[in-house]
Amino acid sequence: MKSLRRMYVSFVLLFNVFSFGVIFLILTNSSAGDEVVFIGEGDGEFAFVLTTVGIVVNIGLAYVLLRENLDRRRLETDSGRERRPKITGE
């Protein structure tokens, strides 16, 4: 399961880099007129789909990292109890 989480985190990071690059490319190829930026219709639809998928994937990344953090804290708490000496009352 941990390898699946690592692969998902790697996928999200690469997807973010790719999507920022594509959106930057779309914006640099747009034309400006009267202080309004015009993007092609196909490019605009692709950018919309890309940002929508990016939002969903990033929410998933936040959930995975939250679960990983909670699991790690739980393990640290359990191991901390085992290290403490037991009070015997003597």
Protein backbone atom coordinates (compact mmCIF):
# COMPACT_ATOMS: atom_id res chain seq x y z
CA MET A 1 0.00 0.00 0.00
CA LYS A 2 2.87 2.37 0.74
CA SER A 3 4.30 1.88 -2.75
CA LEU A 4 0.89 2.75 -4.21
CA ARG A 5 0.84 5.94 -2.13
CA ARG A 6 4.35 6.83 -3.29
CA MET A 7 3.39 6.24 -6.92
CA TYR A 8 0.28 8.41 -6.49
CA VAL A 9 2.27 11.24 -4.91
CA SER A 10 4.84 11.03 -7.73
CA PHE A 11 2.04 11.03 -10.31
CA VAL A 12 0.44 14.12 -8.77
CA LEU A 13 3.72 16.01 -8.67
CA LEU A 14 4.49 15.17 -12.31
CA PHE A 15 0.91 15.99 -13.32
CA ASN A 16 1.17 19.40 -11.63
CA VAL A 17 4.42 20.21 -13.41
CA PHE A 18 2.96 19.07 -16.73
CA SER A 19 -0.29 21.00 -16.28
CA PHE A 20 1.48 24.22 -15.27
CA GLY A 21 3.68 23.85 -18.34
CA VAL A 22 0.69 23.30 -20.64
CA ILE A 23 -1.25 26.24 -19.18
CA PHE A 24 1.85 28.44 -19.49
CA LEU A 25 2.18 27.34 -23.14
CA ILE A 26 -1.48 28.13 -23.81
CA LEU A 27 -1.18 31.56 -22.26
CA THR A 28 1.99 32.41 -24.19
CA ASN A 29 0.31 31.45 -27.47
CA SER A 30 -2.77 33.55 -26.76
CA SER A 31 -3.33 36.87 -28.48
CA ALA A 32 -3.99 40.15 -26.71
CA GLY A 33 -6.24 42.89 -27.95
CA ASP A 34 -7.46 45.93 -26.03
CA GLU A 35 -6.08 44.51 -22.76
CA VAL A 36 -8.14 41.32 -23.19
CA VAL A 37 -6.40 37.99 -23.69
CA PHE A 38 -7.95 35.73 -26.32
CA ILE A 39 -7.39 31.98 -26.07
CA GLY A 40 -8.43 29.54 -28.78
CA GLU A 41 -11.63 27.62 -28.11
CA GLY A 42 -9.96 24.20 -28.14
CA ASP A 43 -7.14 25.44 -25.94
CA GLY A 44 -9.61 26.94 -23.48
CA GLU A 45 -11.56 23.69 -23.20
CA PHE A 46 -8.36 21.70 -22.72
CA ALA A 47 -7.16 24.11 -20.03
CA PHE A 48 -10.54 23.86 -18.26
CA VAL A 49 -10.41 20.05 -18.26
CA LEU A 50 -6.80 20.12 -17.10
CA THR A 51 -7.51 22.45 -14.19
CA THR A 52 -10.61 20.49 -13.14
CA VAL A 53 -8.69 17.22 -13.10
CA GLY A 54 -5.84 19.00 -11.29
CA ILE A 55 -8.16 20.19 -8.52
CA VAL A 56 -9.55 16.69 -7.99
CA VAL A 57 -6.09 15.11 -8.02
CA ASN A 58 -4.71 17.67 -5.57
CA ILE A 59 -7.61 17.08 -3.18
CA GLY A 60 -6.76 13.38 -3.38
CA LEU A 61 -3.12 14.20 -2.65
CA ALA A 62 -4.12 16.20 0.42
CA TYR A 63 -6.19 13.25 1.66
CA VAL A 64 -3.36 10.76 1.10
CA LEU A 65 -0.82 12.96 2.89
CA LEU A 66 -3.24 13.55 5.78
CA ARG A 67 -3.81 9.81 6.20
CA GLU A 68 -0.05 9.17 6.06
CA ASN A 69 0.56 11.84 8.71
CA LEU A 70 -2.15 10.45 11.00
CA ASP A 71 -0.79 6.89 10.62
CA ARG A 72 2.74 8.06 11.41
CA ARG A 73 1.60 9.94 14.51
CA ARG A 74 -0.33 6.89 15.69
CA LEU A 75 2.76 4.69 15.30
CA GLU A 76 4.96 7.22 17.14
CA THR A 77 2.47 7.35 20.01
CA ASP A 78 2.29 3.56 20.27
CA SER A 79 6.08 3.15 20.24
CA GLY A 80 6.44 5.93 22.83
CA ARG A 81 4.29 3.98 25.28
CA GLU A 82 6.44 0.88 24.89
CA ARG A 83 9.66 2.77 25.68
CA ARG A 84 8.45 4.13 29.00
CA PRO A 85 9.24 2.03 32.05
CA LYS A 86 6.24 0.56 33.81
CA ILE A 87 5.40 1.89 37.25
CA THR A 88 5.43 -1.02 39.66
CA GLY A 89 4.72 0.86 42.88
CA GLU A 90 7.74 -0.51 44.72
